[in-house]
PDB file of N, CA and C in Angstrom:
ATOM      1  N   UNK A   1       7.513  -4.570 -17.663  1.00  0.00           N
ATOM      2  CA  UNK A   1       7.075  -5.278 -16.177  1.00  0.00           C
ATOM      3  C   UNK A   1       8.174  -5.017 -15.345  1.00  0.00           C
ATOM      4  N   UNK A   2       7.754  -4.306 -14.280  1.00  0.00           N
ATOM      5  CA  UNK A   2       8.468  -4.247 -13.272  1.00  0.00           C
ATOM      6  C   UNK A   2       8.389  -5.212 -12.206  1.00  0.00           C
ATOM      7  N   UNK A   3       9.051  -6.134 -11.711  1.00  0.00           N
ATOM      8  CA  UNK A   3       8.978  -7.131 -10.563  1.00  0.00           C
ATOM      9  C   UNK A   3      10.584  -6.909  -9.885  1.00  0.00           C
ATOM     10  N   UNK A   4       9.804  -7.348  -8.439  1.00  0.00           N
ATOM     11  CA  UNK A   4      11.176  -7.989  -7.214  1.00  0.00           C
ATOM     12  C   UNK A   4      11.324  -9.287  -7.317  1.00  0.00           C
ATOM     13  N   UNK A   5      12.948  -9.359  -7.684  1.00  0.00           N
ATOM     14  CA  UNK A   5      13.525 -10.843  -7.747  1.00  0.00           C
ATOM     15  C   UNK A   5      14.256 -11.408  -6.652  1.00  0.00           C
ATOM     16  N   UNK A   6      13.969 -12.480  -6.068  1.00  0.00           N
ATOM     17  CA  UNK A   6      14.611 -13.045  -5.031  1.00  0.00           C
ATOM     18  C   UNK A   6      15.309 -14.047  -5.653  1.00  0.00           C
ATOM     19  N   UNK A   7      16.385 -14.889  -5.489  1.00  0.00           N
ATOM     20  CA  UNK A   7      17.262 -15.877  -5.700  1.00  0.00           C
ATOM     21  C   UNK A   7      17.357 -16.980  -4.418  1.00  0.00           C
ATOM     22  N   UNK A   8      16.846 -18.366  -4.984  1.00  0.00           N
ATOM     23  CA  UNK A   8      16.905 -18.953  -3.757  1.00  0.00           C
ATOM     24  C   UNK A   8      17.601 -20.344  -4.053  1.00  0.00           C
ATOM     25  N   UNK A   9      18.109 -21.259  -3.360  1.00  0.00           N
ATOM     26  CA  UNK A   9      18.690 -22.522  -3.692  1.00  0.00           C
ATOM     27  C   UNK A   9      18.414 -23.264  -4.930  1.00  0.00           C
ATOM     28  N   UNK A  10      16.675 -23.237  -5.218  1.00  0.00           N
ATOM     29  CA  UNK A  10      16.355 -23.550  -6.260  1.00  0.00           C
ATOM     30  C   UNK A  10      15.723 -22.992  -7.424  1.00  0.00           C
ATOM     31  N   UNK A  11      16.257 -21.437  -7.609  1.00  0.00           N
ATOM     32  CA  UNK A  11      16.381 -21.013  -8.803  1.00  0.00           C
ATOM     33  C   UNK A  11      15.672 -19.085  -8.220  1.00  0.00           C
ATOM     34  N   UNK A  12      15.371 -18.154  -9.540  1.00  0.00           N
ATOM     35  CA  UNK A  12      14.985 -17.156  -9.430  1.00  0.00           C
ATOM     36  C   UNK A  12      13.036 -17.143  -9.415  1.00  0.00           C
ATOM     37  N   UNK A  13      12.863 -16.324  -7.974  1.00  0.00           N
ATOM     38  CA  UNK A  13      11.257 -15.947  -8.071  1.00  0.00           C
ATOM     39  C   UNK A  13      11.103 -14.616  -8.523  1.00  0.00           C
ATOM     40  N   UNK A  14      10.761 -14.108  -9.460  1.00  0.00           N
ATOM     41  CA  UNK A  14      10.271 -12.911  -9.540  1.00  0.00           C
ATOM     42  C   UNK A  14       8.462 -12.429  -9.477  1.00  0.00           C
ATOM     43  N   UNK A  15       8.386 -11.385  -8.755  1.00  0.00           N
ATOM     44  CA  UNK A  15       7.346 -11.102  -8.351  1.00  0.00           C
ATOM     45  C   UNK A  15       6.703  -9.622  -8.936  1.00  0.00           C
ATOM     46  N   UNK A  16       5.901  -9.703  -9.973  1.00  0.00           N
ATOM     47  CA  UNK A  16       5.591  -8.370 -10.214  1.00  0.00           C
ATOM     48  C   UNK A  16       4.789  -7.128  -9.236  1.00  0.00           C
ATOM     49  N   UNK A  17       5.177  -5.872  -9.087  1.00  0.00           N
ATOM     50  CA  UNK A  17       4.981  -4.754  -8.327  1.00  0.00           C
ATOM     51  C   UNK A  17       3.355  -4.609  -8.402  1.00  0.00           C
ATOM     52  N   UNK A  18       2.383  -5.123  -9.277  1.00  0.00           N
ATOM     53  CA  UNK A  18       0.975  -4.939  -9.283  1.00  0.00           C
ATOM     54  C   UNK A  18       0.483  -6.250  -8.044  1.00  0.00           C
ATOM     55  N   UNK A  19       1.351  -7.064  -8.109  1.00  0.00           N
ATOM     56  CA  UNK A  19       0.374  -8.298  -7.208  1.00  0.00           C
ATOM     57  C   UNK A  19       0.994  -7.695  -6.053  1.00  0.00           C
ATOM     58  N   UNK A  20       2.306  -7.090  -5.622  1.00  0.00           N
ATOM     59  CA  UNK A  20       2.448  -6.433  -4.245  1.00  0.00           C
ATOM     60  C   UNK A  20       1.478  -5.599  -3.784  1.00  0.00           C
ATOM     61  N   UNK A  21       1.009  -4.475  -4.807  1.00  0.00           N
ATOM     62  CA  UNK A  21       0.446  -3.831  -4.522  1.00  0.00           C
ATOM     63  C   UNK A  21      -0.872  -4.424  -4.269  1.00  0.00           C
ATOM     64  N   UNK A  22      -1.364  -4.952  -4.907  1.00  0.00           N
ATOM     65  CA  UNK A  22      -2.585  -5.534  -4.622  1.00  0.00           C
ATOM     66  C   UNK A  22      -3.088  -6.650  -3.400  1.00  0.00           C
ATOM     67  N   UNK A  23      -2.024  -7.039  -3.347  1.00  0.00           N
ATOM     68  CA  UNK A  23      -1.859  -7.583  -1.776  1.00  0.00           C
ATOM     69  C   UNK A  23      -1.832  -6.399  -0.901  1.00  0.00           C
ATOM     70  N   UNK A  24      -1.016  -5.745  -0.886  1.00  0.00           N
ATOM     71  CA  UNK A  24      -0.885  -4.413   0.040  1.00  0.00           C
ATOM     72  C   UNK A  24      -2.142  -3.953   0.129  1.00  0.00           C
ATOM     73  N   UNK A  25      -2.806  -3.483  -0.812  1.00  0.00           N
ATOM     74  CA  UNK A  25      -4.153  -2.913  -1.170  1.00  0.00           C
ATOM     75  C   UNK A  25      -5.214  -3.747  -0.083  1.00  0.00           C
ATOM     76  N   UNK A  26      -5.230  -5.079  -0.128  1.00  0.00           N
ATOM     77  CA  UNK A  26      -6.086  -5.663   0.563  1.00  0.00           C
ATOM     78  C   UNK A  26      -5.960  -5.630   1.895  1.00  0.00           C
ATOM     79  N   UNK A  27      -4.667  -6.158   2.400  1.00  0.00           N
ATOM     80  CA  UNK A  27      -4.222  -5.549   3.934  1.00  0.00           C
ATOM     81  C   UNK A  27      -4.527  -4.426   4.399  1.00  0.00           C
ATOM     82  N   UNK A  28      -4.301  -3.417   3.649  1.00  0.00           N
ATOM     83  CA  UNK A  28      -4.656  -2.027   3.802  1.00  0.00           C
ATOM     84  C   UNK A  28      -6.177  -1.372   4.238  1.00  0.00           C
ATOM     85  N   UNK A  29      -7.160  -2.353   3.735  1.00  0.00           N
ATOM     86  CA  UNK A  29      -8.861  -2.087   3.760  1.00  0.00           C
ATOM     87  C   UNK A  29      -8.952  -2.832   4.845  1.00  0.00           C
ATOM     88  N   UNK A  30      -8.523  -4.078   5.251  1.00  0.00           N
ATOM     89  CA  UNK A  30      -8.931  -4.605   6.838  1.00  0.00           C
ATOM     90  C   UNK A  30      -8.287  -3.622   8.009  1.00  0.00           C
ATOM     91  N   UNK A  31      -7.445  -2.518   7.571  1.00  0.00           N
ATOM     92  CA  UNK A  31      -6.779  -1.896   8.957  1.00  0.00           C
ATOM     93  C   UNK A  31      -8.368  -1.004   9.464  1.00  0.00           C
ATOM     94  N   UNK A  32      -8.424  -0.970  10.787  1.00  0.00           N
ATOM     95  CA  UNK A  32      -9.487  -0.094  11.147  1.00  0.00           C
ATOM     96  C   UNK A  32      -9.155   1.024  10.582  1.00  0.00           C
ATOM     97  N   UNK A  33     -10.432   2.240  10.248  1.00  0.00           N
ATOM     98  CA  UNK A  33      -9.691   3.623  10.106  1.00  0.00           C
ATOM     99  C   UNK A  33      -9.697   4.202   8.758  1.00  0.00           C
ATOM    100  N   UNK A  34      -9.506   3.095   7.842  1.00  0.00           N
ATOM    101  CA  UNK A  34      -9.096   2.909   6.605  1.00  0.00           C
ATOM    102  C   UNK A  34     -10.602   2.823   5.513  1.00  0.00           C
ATOM    103  N   UNK A  35     -10.889   4.128   4.891  1.00  0.00           N
ATOM    104  CA  UNK A  35     -12.363   4.152   4.239  1.00  0.00           C
ATOM    105  C   UNK A  35     -11.915   3.283   2.580  1.00  0.00           C
ATOM    106  N   UNK A  36     -10.675   3.670   2.072  1.00  0.00           N
ATOM    107  CA  UNK A  36     -10.012   3.300   1.190  1.00  0.00           C
ATOM    108  C   UNK A  36      -8.857   4.364   0.356  1.00  0.00           C
ATOM    109  N   UNK A  37      -8.564   3.445  -0.960  1.00  0.00           N
ATOM    110  CA  UNK A  37      -7.520   3.889  -1.596  1.00  0.00           C
ATOM    111  C   UNK A  37      -7.980   5.543  -2.069  1.00  0.00           C
ATOM    112  N   UNK A  38      -6.991   6.371  -2.367  1.00  0.00           N
ATOM    113  CA  UNK A  38      -7.401   7.344  -3.138  1.00  0.00           C
ATOM    114  C   UNK A  38      -6.497   7.489  -4.387  1.00  0.00           C
ATOM    115  N   UNK A  39      -7.410   8.079  -5.539  1.00  0.00           N
ATOM    116  CA  UNK A  39      -6.718   8.271  -6.932  1.00  0.00           C
ATOM    117  C   UNK A  39      -6.171   9.997  -6.775  1.00  0.00           C
ATOM    118  N   UNK A  40      -5.316  10.301  -7.031  1.00  0.00           N
ATOM    119  CA  UNK A  40      -5.196  11.652  -7.155  1.00  0.00           C
ATOM    120  C   UNK A  40      -4.858  12.399  -8.673  1.00  0.00           C
ATOM    121  N   UNK A  41      -5.402  13.026  -9.200  1.00  0.00           N
ATOM    122  CA  UNK A  41      -5.426  13.746 -10.445  1.00  0.00           C
ATOM    123  C   UNK A  41      -4.657  14.736 -10.186  1.00  0.00           C
ATOM    124  N   UNK A  42      -3.317  14.464 -10.427  1.00  0.00           N
ATOM    125  CA  UNK A  42      -2.033  15.828 -10.613  1.00  0.00           C
ATOM    126  C   UNK A  42      -2.686  16.768 -11.104  1.00  0.00           C
ATOM    127  N   UNK A  43      -3.047  16.574 -12.226  1.00  0.00           N
ATOM    128  CA  UNK A  43      -3.545  17.764 -13.230  1.00  0.00           C
ATOM    129  C   UNK A  43      -4.725  18.501 -12.802  1.00  0.00           C
ATOM    130  N   UNK A  44      -5.532  18.267 -12.185  1.00  0.00           N
ATOM    131  CA  UNK A  44      -6.841  18.829 -11.631  1.00  0.00           C
ATOM    132  C   UNK A  44      -6.917  19.223 -10.178  1.00  0.00           C
ATOM    133  N   UNK A  45      -6.236  18.636  -9.440  1.00  0.00           N
ATOM    134  CA  UNK A  45      -5.826  18.593  -7.972  1.00  0.00           C
ATOM    135  C   UNK A  45      -6.822  17.987  -7.463  1.00  0.00           C
ATOM    136  N   UNK A  46      -7.778  17.084  -7.877  1.00  0.00           N
ATOM    137  CA  UNK A  46      -8.627  16.266  -7.763  1.00  0.00           C
ATOM    138  C   UNK A  46      -8.410  15.027  -6.957  1.00  0.00           C
ATOM    139  N   UNK A  47      -9.268  14.845  -5.910  1.00  0.00           N
ATOM    140  CA  UNK A  47      -9.027  13.538  -5.192  1.00  0.00           C
ATOM    141  C   UNK A  47     -10.125  12.315  -5.310  1.00  0.00           C
ATOM    142  N   UNK A  48      -9.905  10.946  -5.208  1.00  0.00           N
ATOM    143  CA  UNK A  48     -11.386  10.524  -5.621  1.00  0.00           C
ATOM    144  C   UNK A  48     -10.998   8.964  -5.067  1.00  0.00           C
ATOM    145  N   UNK A  49     -12.234   8.655  -4.532  1.00  0.00           N
ATOM    146  CA  UNK A  49     -11.928   7.293  -3.674  1.00  0.00           C
ATOM    147  C   UNK A  49     -12.241   6.182  -5.194  1.00  0.00           C
ATOM    148  N   UNK A  50     -11.165   4.948  -4.754  1.00  0.00           N
ATOM    149  CA  UNK A  50     -11.409   4.100  -5.805  1.00  0.00           C
ATOM    150  C   UNK A  50     -12.136   2.548  -5.245  1.00  0.00           C
ATOM    151  N   UNK A  51     -12.874   2.367  -6.387  1.00  0.00           N
ATOM    152  CA  UNK A  51     -13.099   0.980  -5.908  1.00  0.00           C
ATOM    153  C   UNK A  51     -12.600  -0.027  -5.743  1.00  0.00           C
ATOM    154  N   UNK A  52     -13.091  -1.413  -5.073  1.00  0.00           N
ATOM    155  CA  UNK A  52     -11.836  -2.181  -4.356  1.00  0.00           C
ATOM    156  C   UNK A  52     -11.209  -2.952  -5.926  1.00  0.00           C
ATOM    157  N   UNK A  53     -12.093  -2.952  -6.885  1.00  0.00           N
ATOM    158  CA  UNK A  53     -11.016  -3.347  -7.870  1.00  0.00           C
ATOM    159  C   UNK A  53      -9.985  -2.558  -8.765  1.00  0.00           C
ATOM    160  N   UNK A  54     -10.007  -1.204  -8.814  1.00  0.00           N
ATOM    161  CA  UNK A  54      -8.813  -0.913  -8.749  1.00  0.00           C
ATOM    162  C   UNK A  54      -8.082   0.029  -7.740  1.00  0.00           C
ATOM    163  N   UNK A  55      -8.081  -0.316  -6.689  1.00  0.00           N
ATOM    164  CA  UNK A  55      -7.463  -0.026  -5.551  1.00  0.00           C
ATOM    165  C   UNK A  55      -5.642   0.335  -5.982  1.00  0.00           C
ATOM    166  N   UNK A  56      -5.602  -0.313  -6.753  1.00  0.00           N
ATOM    167  CA  UNK A  56      -3.925  -0.528  -6.870  1.00  0.00           C
ATOM    168  C   UNK A  56      -3.504   0.724  -7.120  1.00  0.00           C
ATOM    169  N   UNK A  57      -4.072   1.570  -8.249  1.00  0.00           N
ATOM    170  CA  UNK A  57      -3.970   3.066  -8.567  1.00  0.00           C
ATOM    171  C   UNK A  57      -3.446   3.812  -7.108  1.00  0.00           C
ATOM    172  N   UNK A  58      -4.001   3.441  -5.755  1.00  0.00           N
ATOM    173  CA  UNK A  58      -3.426   4.154  -4.907  1.00  0.00           C
ATOM    174  C   UNK A  58      -2.214   4.169  -4.095  1.00  0.00           C
ATOM    175  N   UNK A  59      -1.690   2.911  -4.421  1.00  0.00           N
ATOM    176  CA  UNK A  59      -0.376   2.415  -4.073  1.00  0.00           C
ATOM    177  C   UNK A  59       0.949   2.254  -5.097  1.00  0.00           C
ATOM    178  N   UNK A  60       1.741   2.344  -4.831  1.00  0.00           N
ATOM    179  CA  UNK A  60       3.189   2.591  -5.341  1.00  0.00           C
ATOM    180  C   UNK A  60       4.016   1.618  -4.898  1.00  0.00           C
ATOM    181  N   UNK A  61       4.700   0.729  -5.714  1.00  0.00           N
ATOM    182  CA  UNK A  61       5.387  -0.293  -5.382  1.00  0.00           C
ATOM    183  C   UNK A  61       6.389   0.186  -6.062  1.00  0.00           C
ATOM    184  N   UNK A  62       7.825   0.313  -5.497  1.00  0.00           N
ATOM    185  CA  UNK A  62       9.058   0.799  -5.891  1.00  0.00           C
ATOM    186  C   UNK A  62      10.364  -0.423  -5.439  1.00  0.00           C
ATOM    187  N   UNK A  63      11.065  -0.927  -6.011  1.00  0.00           N
ATOM    188  CA  UNK A  63      11.800  -1.691  -5.706  1.00  0.00           C
ATOM    189  C   UNK A  63      13.109  -0.472  -5.320  1.00  0.00           C
ATOM    190  N   UNK A  64      13.548  -0.669  -4.169  1.00  0.00           N
ATOM    191  CA  UNK A  64      15.062   0.193  -4.062  1.00  0.00           C
ATOM    192  C   UNK A  64      16.376  -0.779  -4.192  1.00  0.00           C
ATOM    193  N   UNK A  65      17.569  -0.235  -3.789  1.00  0.00           N
ATOM    194  CA  UNK A  65      18.552  -1.196  -4.353  1.00  0.00           C
ATOM    195  C   UNK A  65      18.641  -2.226  -2.916  1.00  0.00           C
ATOM    196  N   UNK A  66      19.830  -3.263  -3.283  1.00  0.00           N
ATOM    197  CA  UNK A  66      19.518  -4.256  -2.107  1.00  0.00           C
ATOM    198  C   UNK A  66      18.210  -5.195  -2.111  1.00  0.00           C
ATOM    199  N   UNK A  67      17.350  -4.679  -2.917  1.00  0.00           N
ATOM    200  CA  UNK A  67      16.403  -5.682  -3.207  1.00  0.00           C
ATOM    201  C   UNK A  67      15.118  -5.270  -2.196  1.00  0.00           C
ATOM    202  N   UNK A  68      14.966  -4.373  -1.605  1.00  0.00           N
ATOM    203  CA  UNK A  68      14.139  -3.417  -0.625  1.00  0.00           C
ATOM    204  C   UNK A  68      13.037  -3.470  -1.435  1.00  0.00           C
ATOM    205  N   UNK A  69      11.783  -3.423  -0.683  1.00  0.00           N
ATOM    206  CA  UNK A  69      10.541  -2.341  -1.040  1.00  0.00           C
ATOM    207  C   UNK A  69      10.087  -0.871  -0.347  1.00  0.00           C
ATOM    208  N   UNK A  70       9.551   0.108  -1.537  1.00  0.00           N
ATOM    209  CA  UNK A  70       9.331   1.085  -0.779  1.00  0.00           C
ATOM    210  C   UNK A  70       7.420   1.500  -0.902  1.00  0.00           C
ATOM    211  N   UNK A  71       6.670   1.415  -0.549  1.00  0.00           N
ATOM    212  CA  UNK A  71       5.500   1.280  -0.398  1.00  0.00           C
ATOM    213  C   UNK A  71       5.123   2.569  -0.264  1.00  0.00           C
ATOM    214  N   UNK A  72       3.996   3.366  -1.055  1.00  0.00           N
ATOM    215  CA  UNK A  72       3.571   4.390  -0.956  1.00  0.00           C
ATOM    216  C   UNK A  72       1.915   4.245  -1.045  1.00  0.00           C
ATOM    217  N   UNK A  73       0.915   4.403  -0.069  1.00  0.00           N
ATOM    218  CA  UNK A  73      -0.215   4.717   0.086  1.00  0.00           C
ATOM    219  C   UNK A  73      -0.927   5.679   0.057  1.00  0.00           C
ATOM    220  N   UNK A  74      -1.753   6.283  -0.934  1.00  0.00           N
ATOM    221  CA  UNK A  74      -2.591   7.074  -0.640  1.00  0.00           C
ATOM    222  C   UNK A  74      -4.112   6.775  -0.412  1.00  0.00           C
ATOM    223  N   UNK A  75      -4.511   7.458   1.029  1.00  0.00           N
ATOM    224  CA  UNK A  75      -5.692   6.864   1.852  1.00  0.00           C
ATOM    225  C   UNK A  75      -6.835   8.066   1.643  1.00  0.00           C
ATOM    226  N   UNK A  76      -7.741   7.301   2.526  1.00  0.00           N
ATOM    227  CA  UNK A  76      -9.113   8.200   3.021  1.00  0.00           C
ATOM    228  C   UNK A  76      -9.278   7.687   3.965  1.00  0.00           C
ATOM    229  N   UNK A  77      -9.411   8.162   5.300  1.00  0.00           N
ATOM    230  CA  UNK A  77      -9.686   7.862   6.412  1.00  0.00           C
ATOM    231  C   UNK A  77     -10.901   8.412   7.079  1.00  0.00           C
ATOM    232  N   UNK A  78     -11.460   7.434   7.864  1.00  0.00           N
ATOM    233  CA  UNK A  78     -12.824   7.472   8.525  1.00  0.00           C
ATOM    234  C   UNK A  78     -12.603   9.350   9.547  1.00  0.00           C
ATOM    235  N   UNK A  79     -13.792   9.832   9.494  1.00  0.00           N
ATOM    236  CA  UNK A  79     -13.661  10.790  10.080  1.00  0.00           C
ATOM    237  C   UNK A  79     -13.614  10.351  11.874  1.00  0.00           C
ATOM    238  N   UNK A  80     -13.141  11.270  12.907  1.00  0.00           N
ATOM    239  CA  UNK A  80     -13.473  10.865  13.805  1.00  0.00           C
ATOM    240  C   UNK A  80     -12.065   9.847  14.546  1.00  0.00           C
ATOM    241  N   UNK A  81     -11.259   9.615  13.890  1.00  0.00           N
ATOM    242  CA  UNK A  81     -10.258   8.715  14.138  1.00  0.00           C
ATOM    243  C   UNK A  81      -8.934   9.107  14.664  1.00  0.00           C
ATOM    244  N   UNK A  82      -8.140   8.689  14.972  1.00  0.00           N
ATOM    245  CA  UNK A  82      -7.076   9.293  15.315  1.00  0.00           C
ATOM    246  C   UNK A  82      -6.040   9.303  14.097  1.00  0.00           C
ATOM    247  N   UNK A  83      -5.767   9.839  13.281  1.00  0.00           N
ATOM    248  CA  UNK A  83      -4.735   9.400  11.889  1.00  0.00           C
ATOM    249  C   UNK A  83      -3.399   9.025  12.355  1.00  0.00           C
ATOM    250  N   UNK A  84      -2.928   9.145  13.371  1.00  0.00           N
ATOM    251  CA  UNK A  84      -1.408   8.897  13.874  1.00  0.00           C
ATOM    252  C   UNK A  84      -1.933   7.442  14.221  1.00  0.00           C
ATOM    253  N   UNK A  85      -2.877   7.060  14.839  1.00  0.00           N
ATOM    254  CA  UNK A  85      -2.915   5.629  15.282  1.00  0.00           C
ATOM    255  C   UNK A  85      -3.236   4.748  14.188  1.00  0.00           C
ATOM    256  N   UNK A  86      -3.998   5.342  12.974  1.00  0.00           N
ATOM    257  CA  UNK A  86      -4.457   4.408  12.019  1.00  0.00           C
ATOM    258  C   UNK A  86      -3.072   4.372  10.739  1.00  0.00           C
ATOM    259  N   UNK A  87      -2.639   5.556  10.924  1.00  0.00           N
ATOM    260  CA  UNK A  87      -0.998   5.396  10.079  1.00  0.00           C
ATOM    261  C   UNK A  87      -0.093   4.252  10.567  1.00  0.00           C
ATOM    262  N   UNK A  88      -0.171   4.131  12.197  1.00  0.00           N
ATOM    263  CA  UNK A  88       0.933   3.210  12.933  1.00  0.00           C
ATOM    264  C   UNK A  88       0.283   1.771  12.673  1.00  0.00           C
ATOM    265  N   UNK A  89      -1.266   1.518  12.891  1.00  0.00           N
ATOM    266  CA  UNK A  89      -1.679   0.386  12.424  1.00  0.00           C
ATOM    267  C   UNK A  89      -1.231  -0.039  11.047  1.00  0.00           C
ATOM    268  N   UNK A  90      -1.335   0.526  10.227  1.00  0.00           N
ATOM    269  CA  UNK A  90      -1.322   0.526   8.678  1.00  0.00           C
ATOM    270  C   UNK A  90      -0.166  -0.223   8.719  1.00  0.00           C
ATOM    271  N   UNK A  91       0.930   0.497   9.005  1.00  0.00           N
ATOM    272  CA  UNK A  91       2.339   0.570   8.639  1.00  0.00           C
ATOM    273  C   UNK A  91       2.836  -0.857   9.451  1.00  0.00           C
ATOM    274  N   UNK A  92       2.261  -1.342  10.635  1.00  0.00           N
ATOM    275  CA  UNK A  92       2.408  -2.100  11.164  1.00  0.00           C
ATOM    276  C   UNK A  92       2.122  -3.573  10.292  1.00  0.00           C
ATOM    277  N   UNK A  93       0.862  -3.607  10.297  1.00  0.00           N
ATOM    278  CA  UNK A  93       0.113  -4.686   9.514  1.00  0.00           C
ATOM    279  C   UNK A  93       0.836  -4.823   8.293  1.00  0.00           C
ATOM    280  N   UNK A  94       0.919  -4.305   7.245  1.00  0.00           N
ATOM    281  CA  UNK A  94       1.125  -4.081   6.044  1.00  0.00           C
ATOM    282  C   UNK A  94       2.607  -4.385   5.654  1.00  0.00           C
ATOM    283  N   UNK A  95       3.358  -3.884   6.842  1.00  0.00           N
ATOM    284  CA  UNK A  95       4.921  -4.234   6.967  1.00  0.00           C
ATOM    285  C   UNK A  95       4.909  -6.072   7.249  1.00  0.00           C
ATOM    286  N   UNK A  96       3.842  -6.113   8.316  1.00  0.00           N
ATOM    287  CA  UNK A  96       4.559  -7.818   8.875  1.00  0.00           C
ATOM    288  C   UNK A  96       3.581  -8.724   7.962  1.00  0.00           C
ATOM    289  N   UNK A  97       2.588  -8.271   7.143  1.00  0.00           N
ATOM    290  CA  UNK A  97       1.881  -9.378   6.308  1.00  0.00           C
ATOM    291  C   UNK A  97       2.648  -9.312   4.587  1.00  0.00           C
ATOM    292  N   UNK A  98       2.994  -7.954   4.421  1.00  0.00           N
ATOM    293  CA  UNK A  98       3.883  -8.295   2.916  1.00  0.00           C
ATOM    294  C   UNK A  98       4.980  -8.858   3.134  1.00  0.00           C
ATOM    295  N   UNK A  99       5.843  -8.558   4.162  1.00  0.00           N
ATOM    296  CA  UNK A  99       7.209  -9.022   4.452  1.00  0.00           C
ATOM    297  C   UNK A  99       7.035 -10.980   4.452  1.00  0.00           C
ATOM    298  N   UNK A 100       5.812 -11.282   4.939  1.00  0.00           N
ATOM    299  CA  UNK A 100       5.460 -12.824   5.066  1.00  0.00           C
ATOM    300  C   UNK A 100       4.914 -13.579   3.781  1.00  0.00           C
ATOM    301  N   UNK A 101       4.247 -12.407   2.935  1.00  0.00           N
ATOM    302  CA  UNK A 101       3.576 -12.902   1.888  1.00  0.00           C
ATOM    303  C   UNK A 101       4.835 -13.190   0.791  1.00  0.00           C
ATOM    304  N   UNK A 102       5.544 -12.025   0.719  1.00  0.00           N
ATOM    305  CA  UNK A 102       6.693 -11.987  -0.644  1.00  0.00           C
ATOM    306  C   UNK A 102       8.286 -12.708  -0.236  1.00  0.00           C
ATOM    307  N   UNK A 103       8.199 -12.630   1.165  1.00  0.00           N
ATOM    308  CA  UNK A 103       9.872 -12.733   1.426  1.00  0.00           C
ATOM    309  C   UNK A 103      10.686 -11.552   1.285  1.00  0.00           C
ATOM    310  N   UNK A 104      10.183 -10.637   0.469  1.00  0.00           N
ATOM    311  CA  UNK A 104      11.187  -9.401   0.805  1.00  0.00           C
ATOM    312  C   UNK A 104      10.886  -8.499   2.051  1.00  0.00           C
ATOM    313  N   UNK A 105      12.043  -7.812   2.082  1.00  0.00           N
ATOM    314  CA  UNK A 105      12.068  -6.698   3.387  1.00  0.00           C
ATOM    315  C   UNK A 105      11.317  -5.468   2.561  1.00  0.00           C
ATOM    316  N   UNK A 106      10.567  -4.766   3.654  1.00  0.00           N
ATOM    317  CA  UNK A 106      10.202  -3.466   3.131  1.00  0.00           C
ATOM    318  C   UNK A 106      11.241  -2.211   4.146  1.00  0.00           C
ATOM    319  N   UNK A 107      11.410  -1.385   3.102  1.00  0.00           N
ATOM    320  CA  UNK A 107      12.648  -0.759   3.699  1.00  0.00           C
ATOM    321  C   UNK A 107      11.836   0.732   4.169  1.00  0.00           C
ATOM    322  N   UNK A 108      10.338   1.123   3.606  1.00  0.00           N
ATOM    323  CA  UNK A 108       9.634   2.434   3.769  1.00  0.00           C
ATOM    324  C   UNK A 108       8.312   2.231   3.663  1.00  0.00           C
ATOM    325  N   UNK A 109       7.684   2.745   4.112  1.00  0.00           N
ATOM    326  CA  UNK A 109       6.126   2.767   3.887  1.00  0.00           C
ATOM    327  C   UNK A 109       5.749   4.231   4.642  1.00  0.00           C
ATOM    328  N   UNK A 110       5.493   4.958   3.309  1.00  0.00           N
ATOM    329  CA  UNK A 110       4.966   6.279   3.296  1.00  0.00           C
ATOM    330  C   UNK A 110       3.321   6.289   3.204  1.00  0.00           C
ATOM    331  N   UNK A 111       2.817   7.303   3.983  1.00  0.00           N
ATOM    332  CA  UNK A 111       1.191   6.946   3.814  1.00  0.00           C
ATOM    333  C   UNK A 111       1.042   8.555   3.774  1.00  0.00           C
ATOM    334  N   UNK A 112       0.041   8.845   2.999  1.00  0.00           N
ATOM    335  CA  UNK A 112      -0.298   9.907   2.401  1.00  0.00           C
ATOM    336  C   UNK A 112      -1.822  10.066   2.385  1.00  0.00           C
ATOM    337  N   UNK A 113      -2.241  11.176   3.221  1.00  0.00           N
ATOM    338  CA  UNK A 113      -3.786  10.770   3.683  1.00  0.00           C
ATOM    339  C   UNK A 113      -4.541  12.386   2.761  1.00  0.00           C
ATOM    340  N   UNK A 114      -5.273  11.731   2.248  1.00  0.00           N
ATOM    341  CA  UNK A 114      -5.734  12.523   0.662  1.00  0.00           C
ATOM    342  C   UNK A 114      -7.210  12.921   1.239  1.00  0.00           C
ATOM    343  N   UNK A 115      -7.800  12.360   2.170  1.00  0.00           N
ATOM    344  CA  UNK A 115      -8.903  13.002   2.738  1.00  0.00           C
ATOM    345  C   UNK A 115      -9.565  12.279   3.974  1.00  0.00           C
ATOM    346  N   UNK A 116     -10.842  12.617   4.308  1.00  0.00           N
ATOM    347  CA  UNK A 116     -11.498  12.515   5.539  1.00  0.00           C
ATOM    348  C   UNK A 116     -12.929  11.893   4.625  1.00  0.00           C
ATOM    349  N   UNK A 117     -13.738  10.943   5.421  1.00  0.00           N
ATOM    350  CA  UNK A 117     -14.771  10.412   4.936  1.00  0.00           C
ATOM    351  C   UNK A 117     -15.903  10.483   6.228  1.00  0.00           C
ATOM    352  N   UNK A 118     -16.999  10.586   6.181  1.00  0.00           N
ATOM    353  CA  UNK A 118     -17.842  10.063   7.244  1.00  0.00           C
ATOM    354  C   UNK A 118     -18.640   8.756   6.970  1.00  0.00           C
ATOM    355  N   UNK A 119     -18.396   7.898   7.974  1.00  0.00           N
ATOM    356  CA  UNK A 119     -19.221   6.459   7.470  1.00  0.00           C
ATOM    357  C   UNK A 119     -20.095   6.516   8.396  1.00  0.00           C
ATOM    358  N   UNK A 120     -21.289   5.825   7.802  1.00  0.00           N
ATOM    359  CA  UNK A 120     -22.512   5.887   8.409  1.00  0.00           C
ATOM    360  C   UNK A 120     -22.540   4.684   9.608  1.00  0.00           C
TER     361      UNK A 120
END
């Protein structure tokens, strides 16, 4: 179990990285221009859109030294939107909401755009 630890005056708090990934994924899906998380098959080089119940496979959470988080998002973006605007919005929103939710600081958010989809 990989978990992020926090010490408080009342004791220790441990948050599983899967919980952080799940919350960060739900926040990311609320951002304009994000179609979904991507599952990258390194062996075949294939990218597939993940369903909502398995979107945490498109997010990697790493606990860096000094108890700071690093988040990697593999996303699929809507066709016709500015990738930089969507990425800036995603970074700003996820950083604010995840830091509020967990009480841990985010050191870095990396976004890997794995594809573009046309939305009806």
